[in-house]
Amino acid sequence: MSFALFLIGLTLVVIGIAWAMVTAGIPTLYIGITCLIVLGAGIMAAVSKTRTKD
């Protein structure tokens, strides 16, 4: 699976999480923190999965 495909999927997940949190009435600060954590974890997972073996 390509890195770009991982990032597209991750972007959709982060948007979905943010939308759900806004709908639930959670403060913007917590939404931003949660999205940054998910984005960071997702990028680390994408790099580890798509990295070529030495």
Protein backbone atom coordinates (compact mmCIF):
# COMPACT_ATOMS: atom_id res chain seq x y z
CA MET A 1 0.00 0.00 0.00
CA SER A 2 1.40 3.42 -0.86
CA PHE A 3 2.16 6.23 1.55
CA ALA A 4 -0.16 8.61 -0.30
CA LEU A 5 -3.08 6.20 0.09
CA PHE A 6 -2.38 5.96 3.81
CA LEU A 7 -2.39 9.75 4.09
CA ILE A 8 -5.67 10.06 2.20
CA GLY A 9 -7.31 7.53 4.50
CA LEU A 10 -5.81 9.17 7.56
CA THR A 11 -7.09 12.57 6.46
CA LEU A 12 -10.61 11.17 6.11
CA VAL A 13 -10.40 9.59 9.58
CA VAL A 14 -9.21 12.85 11.17
CA ILE A 15 -11.97 14.82 9.43
CA GLY A 16 -14.56 12.31 10.63
CA ILE A 17 -13.29 12.45 14.21
CA ALA A 18 -13.27 16.26 14.18
CA TRP A 19 -16.78 16.42 12.74
CA ALA A 20 -18.11 13.99 15.35
CA MET A 21 -16.48 15.96 18.15
CA VAL A 22 -17.90 19.26 16.87
CA THR A 23 -21.34 17.68 16.65
CA ALA A 24 -20.98 16.42 20.24
CA GLY A 25 -20.18 19.95 21.42
CA ILE A 26 -16.61 19.29 22.57
CA PRO A 27 -14.43 22.42 22.92
CA THR A 28 -12.22 23.34 19.97
CA LEU A 29 -8.98 22.99 21.96
CA TYR A 30 -9.69 19.32 22.69
CA ILE A 31 -10.64 18.69 19.08
CA GLY A 32 -7.32 20.13 17.91
CA ILE A 33 -5.31 18.13 20.43
CA THR A 34 -7.08 14.89 19.51
CA CYS A 35 -6.63 15.47 15.78
CA LEU A 36 -2.90 16.16 16.23
CA ILE A 37 -2.43 12.98 18.25
CA VAL A 38 -4.31 10.85 15.70
CA LEU A 39 -2.45 12.51 12.83
CA GLY A 40 0.93 11.87 14.45
CA ALA A 41 0.15 8.24 15.21
CA GLY A 42 -1.20 7.73 11.71
CA ILE A 43 1.87 9.19 10.04
CA MET A 44 4.15 7.00 12.17
CA ALA A 45 2.11 3.93 11.21
CA ALA A 46 2.13 4.89 7.53
CA VAL A 47 5.90 5.36 7.50
CA SER A 48 6.52 2.04 9.22
CA LYS A 49 4.15 0.14 6.90
CA THR A 50 5.35 1.65 3.62
CA ARG A 51 9.07 1.79 4.39
CA THR A 52 11.18 -0.40 2.13
CA LYS A 53 13.21 -3.10 3.83
CA ASP A 54 16.97 -2.77 3.78
